[in-house]
């Protein structure tokens, strides 16, 4: 079992003891997503768990924007609380400066200006440390400059 998954399980037990229902339900949700991945792909590594968690955060952020458009502030606040709980399990995010430096390094390594290849290489390097939308924006910015 990956260390991250073990930490999630331990945090779930602690949330049960503390009767912290929001944390408990959020961690259970993550563990069920990991279990579903496990059924399809086998035992996950920490890297796989980070990918799963990142995907869930992205989906929640999409839901937040939809709830905001629909005027459901109560749901927006609840989802934001869940996202803040989940983000504890992700690696710290790169600053825009660090992301720009990484993109420039990858572009100089590749030596060509193919957006798709650059995106794949950068995403592999920053896995879990930056969202795809911010990486995409940075790659476009640097390719057009």
N, C-alpha and C. Protein backbone atom coordinates (compact mmCIF):
# COMPACT_ATOMS: atom_id res chain seq x y z
N UNK A 1 0.86 -1.18 0.00
CA UNK A 1 0.00 0.00 0.00
C UNK A 1 0.90 1.24 0.00
N UNK A 2 0.51 2.21 -0.79
CA UNK A 2 1.30 3.43 -0.87
C UNK A 2 1.23 4.21 0.44
N UNK A 3 2.24 5.00 0.70
CA UNK A 3 2.28 5.80 1.93
C UNK A 3 1.12 6.78 1.98
N UNK A 4 0.83 7.39 0.86
CA UNK A 4 -0.23 8.39 0.80
C UNK A 4 -1.59 7.75 1.10
N UNK A 5 -1.81 6.57 0.56
CA UNK A 5 -3.06 5.87 0.83
C UNK A 5 -3.16 5.48 2.31
N UNK A 6 -2.04 5.07 2.89
CA UNK A 6 -2.02 4.73 4.32
C UNK A 6 -2.34 5.97 5.16
N UNK A 7 -1.82 7.11 4.74
CA UNK A 7 -2.10 8.37 5.45
C UNK A 7 -3.58 8.72 5.35
N UNK A 8 -4.17 8.53 4.19
CA UNK A 8 -5.60 8.78 4.02
C UNK A 8 -6.43 7.88 4.94
N UNK A 9 -6.04 6.63 5.03
CA UNK A 9 -6.77 5.68 5.88
C UNK A 9 -6.66 6.11 7.35
N UNK A 10 -5.46 6.50 7.75
CA UNK A 10 -5.26 6.96 9.13
C UNK A 10 -6.05 8.23 9.41
N UNK A 11 -6.06 9.16 8.46
CA UNK A 11 -6.83 10.39 8.63
C UNK A 11 -8.33 10.12 8.69
N UNK A 12 -8.77 9.10 7.96
CA UNK A 12 -10.18 8.72 8.02
C UNK A 12 -10.54 8.24 9.42
N UNK A 13 -9.67 7.41 10.01
CA UNK A 13 -9.91 6.92 11.36
C UNK A 13 -9.93 8.07 12.37
N UNK A 14 -8.99 9.01 12.21
CA UNK A 14 -8.94 10.15 13.12
C UNK A 14 -10.18 11.03 12.98
N UNK A 15 -10.67 11.20 11.75
CA UNK A 15 -11.88 12.00 11.53
C UNK A 15 -13.09 11.31 12.15
N UNK A 16 -13.10 9.99 12.10
CA UNK A 16 -14.20 9.24 12.75
C UNK A 16 -14.19 9.49 14.26
N UNK A 17 -12.99 9.37 14.84
CA UNK A 17 -12.87 9.58 16.29
C UNK A 17 -13.27 10.99 16.69
N UNK A 18 -12.91 11.97 15.83
CA UNK A 18 -13.19 13.38 16.14
C UNK A 18 -14.61 13.77 15.73
N UNK A 19 -15.30 12.86 15.07
CA UNK A 19 -16.66 13.13 14.55
C UNK A 19 -16.68 14.33 13.61
N UNK A 20 -15.60 14.45 12.83
CA UNK A 20 -15.48 15.51 11.82
C UNK A 20 -16.06 14.95 10.51
N UNK A 21 -17.35 15.17 10.30
CA UNK A 21 -18.05 14.54 9.19
C UNK A 21 -17.58 15.03 7.83
N UNK A 22 -17.24 16.32 7.69
CA UNK A 22 -16.79 16.83 6.40
C UNK A 22 -15.49 16.16 5.99
N UNK A 23 -14.51 16.12 6.91
CA UNK A 23 -13.23 15.47 6.60
C UNK A 23 -13.45 13.98 6.36
N UNK A 24 -14.25 13.35 7.20
CA UNK A 24 -14.51 11.92 7.05
C UNK A 24 -15.10 11.61 5.68
N UNK A 25 -16.13 12.32 5.30
CA UNK A 25 -16.77 12.06 4.00
C UNK A 25 -15.85 12.37 2.84
N UNK A 26 -15.05 13.42 2.97
CA UNK A 26 -14.12 13.79 1.90
C UNK A 26 -13.04 12.73 1.72
N UNK A 27 -12.47 12.27 2.82
CA UNK A 27 -11.42 11.25 2.75
C UNK A 27 -12.01 9.92 2.26
N UNK A 28 -13.21 9.59 2.70
CA UNK A 28 -13.85 8.37 2.18
C UNK A 28 -14.05 8.45 0.68
N UNK A 29 -14.44 9.62 0.22
CA UNK A 29 -14.63 9.85 -1.22
C UNK A 29 -13.32 9.59 -1.97
N UNK A 30 -12.22 10.12 -1.44
CA UNK A 30 -10.91 9.90 -2.08
C UNK A 30 -10.54 8.42 -2.06
N UNK A 31 -10.76 7.78 -0.93
CA UNK A 31 -10.43 6.35 -0.84
C UNK A 31 -11.27 5.51 -1.80
N UNK A 32 -12.52 5.90 -2.01
CA UNK A 32 -13.34 5.15 -2.97
C UNK A 32 -12.85 5.38 -4.40
N UNK A 33 -12.39 6.58 -4.71
CA UNK A 33 -11.82 6.83 -6.04
C UNK A 33 -10.55 6.01 -6.24
N UNK A 34 -9.75 5.92 -5.20
CA UNK A 34 -8.52 5.13 -5.28
C UNK A 34 -8.88 3.65 -5.45
N UNK A 35 -9.88 3.19 -4.72
CA UNK A 35 -10.31 1.79 -4.82
C UNK A 35 -10.82 1.47 -6.23
N UNK A 36 -11.59 2.39 -6.80
CA UNK A 36 -12.06 2.19 -8.18
C UNK A 36 -10.90 2.09 -9.15
N UNK A 37 -9.88 2.94 -8.96
CA UNK A 37 -8.70 2.90 -9.82
C UNK A 37 -7.99 1.56 -9.63
N UNK A 38 -7.91 1.14 -8.37
CA UNK A 38 -7.24 -0.12 -8.04
C UNK A 38 -7.92 -1.32 -8.70
N UNK A 39 -9.23 -1.30 -8.76
CA UNK A 39 -9.98 -2.39 -9.39
C UNK A 39 -9.60 -2.49 -10.88
N UNK A 40 -9.44 -1.33 -11.52
CA UNK A 40 -9.13 -1.32 -12.95
C UNK A 40 -7.66 -1.55 -13.25
N UNK A 41 -6.75 -1.05 -12.37
CA UNK A 41 -5.33 -1.02 -12.72
C UNK A 41 -4.40 -1.76 -11.78
N UNK A 42 -4.87 -2.24 -10.66
CA UNK A 42 -3.99 -2.89 -9.69
C UNK A 42 -3.56 -1.92 -8.59
N UNK A 43 -2.61 -2.35 -7.78
CA UNK A 43 -2.17 -1.56 -6.63
C UNK A 43 -1.55 -0.23 -7.07
N UNK A 44 -2.05 0.90 -6.56
CA UNK A 44 -1.50 2.18 -6.97
C UNK A 44 -0.23 2.55 -6.20
N UNK A 45 0.64 3.28 -6.88
CA UNK A 45 1.82 3.85 -6.22
C UNK A 45 1.42 5.22 -5.69
N UNK A 46 2.32 5.86 -4.95
CA UNK A 46 2.04 7.22 -4.47
C UNK A 46 1.80 8.16 -5.65
N UNK A 47 2.54 7.95 -6.73
CA UNK A 47 2.38 8.78 -7.93
C UNK A 47 0.98 8.62 -8.52
N UNK A 48 0.49 7.40 -8.55
CA UNK A 48 -0.87 7.14 -9.04
C UNK A 48 -1.91 7.81 -8.14
N UNK A 49 -1.69 7.73 -6.83
CA UNK A 49 -2.63 8.32 -5.88
C UNK A 49 -2.68 9.83 -6.07
N UNK A 50 -1.52 10.45 -6.29
CA UNK A 50 -1.48 11.91 -6.53
C UNK A 50 -2.27 12.25 -7.79
N UNK A 51 -2.14 11.44 -8.84
CA UNK A 51 -2.90 11.67 -10.07
C UNK A 51 -4.40 11.59 -9.82
N UNK A 52 -4.80 10.59 -9.05
CA UNK A 52 -6.22 10.39 -8.74
C UNK A 52 -6.75 11.58 -7.96
N UNK A 53 -6.01 12.00 -6.95
CA UNK A 53 -6.43 13.13 -6.11
C UNK A 53 -6.49 14.41 -6.93
N UNK A 54 -5.50 14.62 -7.79
CA UNK A 54 -5.48 15.81 -8.65
C UNK A 54 -6.71 15.84 -9.56
N UNK A 55 -7.07 14.69 -10.09
CA UNK A 55 -8.25 14.60 -10.95
C UNK A 55 -9.51 14.98 -10.18
N UNK A 56 -9.61 14.50 -8.95
CA UNK A 56 -10.78 14.80 -8.12
C UNK A 56 -10.85 16.30 -7.81
N UNK A 57 -9.70 16.91 -7.52
CA UNK A 57 -9.67 18.36 -7.24
C UNK A 57 -10.12 19.13 -8.47
N UNK A 58 -9.66 18.72 -9.64
CA UNK A 58 -10.06 19.40 -10.87
C UNK A 58 -11.57 19.31 -11.07
N UNK A 59 -12.13 18.14 -10.85
CA UNK A 59 -13.57 17.97 -11.00
C UNK A 59 -14.33 18.83 -9.99
N UNK A 60 -13.81 18.92 -8.79
CA UNK A 60 -14.48 19.74 -7.77
C UNK A 60 -14.41 21.22 -8.13
N UNK A 61 -13.28 21.65 -8.67
CA UNK A 61 -13.16 23.06 -9.08
C UNK A 61 -14.12 23.37 -10.23
N UNK A 62 -14.27 22.42 -11.14
CA UNK A 62 -15.25 22.60 -12.22
C UNK A 62 -16.65 22.72 -11.65
N UNK A 63 -16.96 21.88 -10.67
CA UNK A 63 -18.27 21.92 -10.03
C UNK A 63 -18.47 23.26 -9.31
N UNK A 64 -17.42 23.77 -8.67
CA UNK A 64 -17.51 25.05 -7.98
C UNK A 64 -17.89 26.16 -8.95
N UNK A 65 -17.25 26.17 -10.11
CA UNK A 65 -17.57 27.22 -11.09
C UNK A 65 -19.01 27.08 -11.59
N UNK A 66 -19.48 25.83 -11.75
CA UNK A 66 -20.86 25.61 -12.18
C UNK A 66 -21.85 26.06 -11.09
N UNK A 67 -21.55 25.73 -9.85
CA UNK A 67 -22.41 26.14 -8.75
C UNK A 67 -22.46 27.67 -8.64
N UNK A 68 -21.30 28.30 -8.84
CA UNK A 68 -21.25 29.77 -8.77
C UNK A 68 -22.11 30.38 -9.87
N UNK A 69 -22.02 29.81 -11.08
CA UNK A 69 -22.85 30.31 -12.19
C UNK A 69 -24.33 30.14 -11.91
N UNK A 70 -24.65 29.07 -11.18
CA UNK A 70 -26.05 28.79 -10.87
C UNK A 70 -26.54 29.51 -9.63
N UNK A 71 -25.67 30.31 -9.00
CA UNK A 71 -26.07 31.07 -7.83
C UNK A 71 -26.22 30.23 -6.57
N UNK A 72 -25.56 29.09 -6.50
CA UNK A 72 -25.65 28.21 -5.33
C UNK A 72 -24.43 28.40 -4.43
N UNK A 73 -24.39 29.51 -3.73
CA UNK A 73 -23.25 29.85 -2.87
C UNK A 73 -23.04 28.81 -1.76
N UNK A 74 -24.12 28.21 -1.26
CA UNK A 74 -23.99 27.20 -0.22
C UNK A 74 -23.16 26.01 -0.71
N UNK A 75 -23.42 25.58 -1.95
CA UNK A 75 -22.67 24.45 -2.52
C UNK A 75 -21.24 24.85 -2.86
N UNK A 76 -21.05 26.10 -3.28
CA UNK A 76 -19.71 26.60 -3.57
C UNK A 76 -18.85 26.52 -2.31
N UNK A 77 -19.38 27.00 -1.20
CA UNK A 77 -18.62 27.00 0.05
C UNK A 77 -18.30 25.58 0.52
N UNK A 78 -19.26 24.68 0.39
CA UNK A 78 -19.03 23.29 0.80
C UNK A 78 -17.94 22.64 -0.04
N UNK A 79 -18.00 22.82 -1.36
CA UNK A 79 -16.98 22.24 -2.24
C UNK A 79 -15.61 22.85 -1.98
N UNK A 80 -15.56 24.14 -1.70
CA UNK A 80 -14.27 24.79 -1.41
C UNK A 80 -13.65 24.22 -0.14
N UNK A 81 -14.48 23.91 0.85
CA UNK A 81 -13.98 23.29 2.08
C UNK A 81 -13.40 21.91 1.77
N UNK A 82 -14.10 21.16 0.92
CA UNK A 82 -13.62 19.82 0.55
C UNK A 82 -12.29 19.92 -0.20
N UNK A 83 -12.20 20.89 -1.12
CA UNK A 83 -10.96 21.06 -1.88
C UNK A 83 -9.80 21.39 -0.94
N UNK A 84 -10.05 22.24 0.06
CA UNK A 84 -8.96 22.60 0.99
C UNK A 84 -8.52 21.37 1.80
N UNK A 85 -9.44 20.47 2.10
CA UNK A 85 -9.07 19.23 2.80
C UNK A 85 -8.23 18.35 1.88
N UNK A 86 -8.67 18.20 0.64
CA UNK A 86 -7.99 17.32 -0.31
C UNK A 86 -6.60 17.84 -0.66
N UNK A 87 -6.45 19.15 -0.77
CA UNK A 87 -5.16 19.72 -1.16
C UNK A 87 -4.05 19.41 -0.17
N UNK A 88 -4.39 19.03 1.05
CA UNK A 88 -3.37 18.64 2.04
C UNK A 88 -2.59 17.42 1.58
N UNK A 89 -3.19 16.61 0.72
CA UNK A 89 -2.56 15.38 0.28
C UNK A 89 -1.77 15.53 -1.02
N UNK A 90 -1.83 16.70 -1.61
CA UNK A 90 -1.10 16.95 -2.86
C UNK A 90 0.22 17.64 -2.57
N UNK A 91 1.21 17.45 -3.44
CA UNK A 91 2.45 18.19 -3.28
C UNK A 91 2.19 19.69 -3.43
N UNK A 92 3.05 20.50 -2.84
CA UNK A 92 2.84 21.95 -2.94
C UNK A 92 2.93 22.37 -4.40
N UNK A 93 2.09 23.35 -4.76
CA UNK A 93 2.01 23.80 -6.15
C UNK A 93 3.20 24.70 -6.50
N UNK A 94 3.61 24.64 -7.76
CA UNK A 94 4.70 25.48 -8.24
C UNK A 94 4.23 26.92 -8.34
N UNK A 95 5.13 27.84 -8.04
CA UNK A 95 4.82 29.25 -8.24
C UNK A 95 4.88 29.53 -9.74
N UNK A 96 4.29 30.63 -10.21
CA UNK A 96 4.36 30.95 -11.63
C UNK A 96 5.81 31.05 -12.13
N UNK A 97 6.69 31.57 -11.30
CA UNK A 97 8.11 31.69 -11.69
C UNK A 97 8.75 30.32 -11.86
N UNK A 98 8.47 29.40 -10.92
CA UNK A 98 9.02 28.06 -11.01
C UNK A 98 8.46 27.32 -12.23
N UNK A 99 7.18 27.53 -12.49
CA UNK A 99 6.55 26.90 -13.64
C UNK A 99 7.17 27.42 -14.93
N UNK A 100 7.35 28.73 -15.01
CA UNK A 100 7.96 29.33 -16.21
C UNK A 100 9.36 28.77 -16.44
N UNK A 101 10.13 28.65 -15.36
CA UNK A 101 11.49 28.11 -15.46
C UNK A 101 11.45 26.67 -15.98
N UNK A 102 10.54 25.87 -15.46
CA UNK A 102 10.42 24.47 -15.89
C UNK A 102 10.02 24.38 -17.36
N UNK A 103 9.07 25.20 -17.78
CA UNK A 103 8.62 25.19 -19.18
C UNK A 103 9.78 25.59 -20.09
N UNK A 104 10.52 26.63 -19.70
CA UNK A 104 11.67 27.06 -20.52
C UNK A 104 12.71 25.95 -20.64
N UNK A 105 12.97 25.24 -19.53
CA UNK A 105 13.93 24.13 -19.57
C UNK A 105 13.47 23.05 -20.55
N UNK A 106 12.21 22.69 -20.47
CA UNK A 106 11.67 21.65 -21.34
C UNK A 106 11.73 22.09 -22.80
N UNK A 107 11.37 23.36 -23.06
CA UNK A 107 11.39 23.87 -24.44
C UNK A 107 12.81 23.86 -24.99
N UNK A 108 13.80 24.19 -24.16
CA UNK A 108 15.18 24.18 -24.65
C UNK A 108 15.66 22.74 -24.87
N UNK A 109 15.21 21.80 -24.05
CA UNK A 109 15.57 20.40 -24.23
C UNK A 109 14.98 19.84 -25.53
N UNK A 110 13.71 20.17 -25.79
CA UNK A 110 13.04 19.65 -26.98
C UNK A 110 13.54 20.33 -28.24
N UNK A 111 13.85 21.61 -28.14
CA UNK A 111 14.37 22.35 -29.28
C UNK A 111 13.38 22.58 -30.40
N UNK A 112 12.11 22.34 -30.17
CA UNK A 112 11.10 22.61 -31.20
C UNK A 112 9.88 23.22 -30.54
N UNK A 113 9.02 23.77 -31.35
CA UNK A 113 7.87 24.46 -30.76
C UNK A 113 6.56 23.72 -31.05
N UNK A 114 6.55 22.43 -30.75
CA UNK A 114 5.35 21.62 -30.89
C UNK A 114 4.61 21.66 -29.55
N UNK A 115 3.42 22.26 -29.56
CA UNK A 115 2.66 22.47 -28.33
C UNK A 115 2.37 21.15 -27.61
N UNK A 116 1.91 20.15 -28.34
CA UNK A 116 1.54 18.87 -27.74
C UNK A 116 2.72 18.18 -27.06
N UNK A 117 3.86 18.12 -27.75
CA UNK A 117 5.04 17.47 -27.17
C UNK A 117 5.52 18.24 -25.94
N UNK A 118 5.49 19.56 -26.04
CA UNK A 118 5.93 20.38 -24.92
C UNK A 118 5.02 20.17 -23.71
N UNK A 119 3.71 20.16 -23.94
CA UNK A 119 2.75 19.96 -22.85
C UNK A 119 2.98 18.60 -22.17
N UNK A 120 3.13 17.55 -22.97
CA UNK A 120 3.34 16.21 -22.40
C UNK A 120 4.60 16.19 -21.55
N UNK A 121 5.68 16.77 -22.06
CA UNK A 121 6.95 16.76 -21.33
C UNK A 121 6.86 17.57 -20.03
N UNK A 122 6.22 18.73 -20.11
CA UNK A 122 6.10 19.58 -18.91
C UNK A 122 5.20 18.90 -17.88
N UNK A 123 4.08 18.36 -18.30
CA UNK A 123 3.15 17.71 -17.37
C UNK A 123 3.82 16.51 -16.69
N UNK A 124 4.66 15.79 -17.42
CA UNK A 124 5.37 14.67 -16.81
C UNK A 124 6.33 15.16 -15.74
N UNK A 125 6.93 16.32 -15.98
CA UNK A 125 7.90 16.88 -15.03
C UNK A 125 7.24 17.48 -13.80
N UNK A 126 6.11 18.13 -13.95
CA UNK A 126 5.48 18.85 -12.84
C UNK A 126 4.33 18.07 -12.21
N UNK A 127 4.21 16.82 -12.56
CA UNK A 127 3.11 15.96 -12.14
C UNK A 127 2.61 16.26 -10.72
N UNK A 128 1.36 16.72 -10.64
CA UNK A 128 0.74 16.99 -9.36
C UNK A 128 1.11 18.32 -8.74
N UNK A 129 2.09 19.00 -9.32
CA UNK A 129 2.55 20.26 -8.75
C UNK A 129 2.01 21.48 -9.48
N UNK A 130 1.31 21.25 -10.59
CA UNK A 130 0.71 22.35 -11.35
C UNK A 130 -0.49 21.81 -12.11
N UNK A 131 -1.49 22.64 -12.25
CA UNK A 131 -2.69 22.25 -12.99
C UNK A 131 -2.41 22.36 -14.49
N UNK A 132 -3.09 21.53 -15.25
CA UNK A 132 -2.91 21.53 -16.69
C UNK A 132 -3.25 22.86 -17.33
N UNK A 133 -4.26 23.54 -16.80
CA UNK A 133 -4.66 24.83 -17.38
C UNK A 133 -3.56 25.88 -17.20
N UNK A 134 -2.90 25.89 -16.05
CA UNK A 134 -1.83 26.87 -15.85
C UNK A 134 -0.60 26.51 -16.67
N UNK A 135 -0.33 25.21 -16.82
CA UNK A 135 0.79 24.78 -17.67
C UNK A 135 0.52 25.17 -19.11
N UNK A 136 -0.70 24.92 -19.57
CA UNK A 136 -1.08 25.25 -20.94
C UNK A 136 -0.93 26.75 -21.21
N UNK A 137 -1.40 27.56 -20.27
CA UNK A 137 -1.30 29.01 -20.43
C UNK A 137 0.16 29.45 -20.50
N UNK A 138 1.01 28.85 -19.67
CA UNK A 138 2.43 29.22 -19.65
C UNK A 138 3.12 28.79 -20.94
N UNK A 139 2.82 27.58 -21.43
CA UNK A 139 3.43 27.10 -22.67
C UNK A 139 3.02 28.01 -23.83
N UNK A 140 1.73 28.36 -23.92
CA UNK A 140 1.26 29.25 -24.98
C UNK A 140 1.95 30.60 -24.90
N UNK A 141 2.06 31.12 -23.69
CA UNK A 141 2.68 32.43 -23.48
C UNK A 141 4.14 32.42 -23.97
N UNK A 142 4.88 31.37 -23.59
CA UNK A 142 6.29 31.31 -23.94
C UNK A 142 6.51 30.96 -25.42
N UNK A 143 5.60 30.22 -26.02
CA UNK A 143 5.73 29.92 -27.46
C UNK A 143 5.44 31.12 -28.31
N UNK A 144 4.56 32.00 -27.84
CA UNK A 144 4.19 33.17 -28.61
C UNK A 144 5.10 34.37 -28.37
N UNK A 145 6.02 34.24 -27.42
CA UNK A 145 6.90 35.38 -27.15
C UNK A 145 8.20 35.30 -27.88
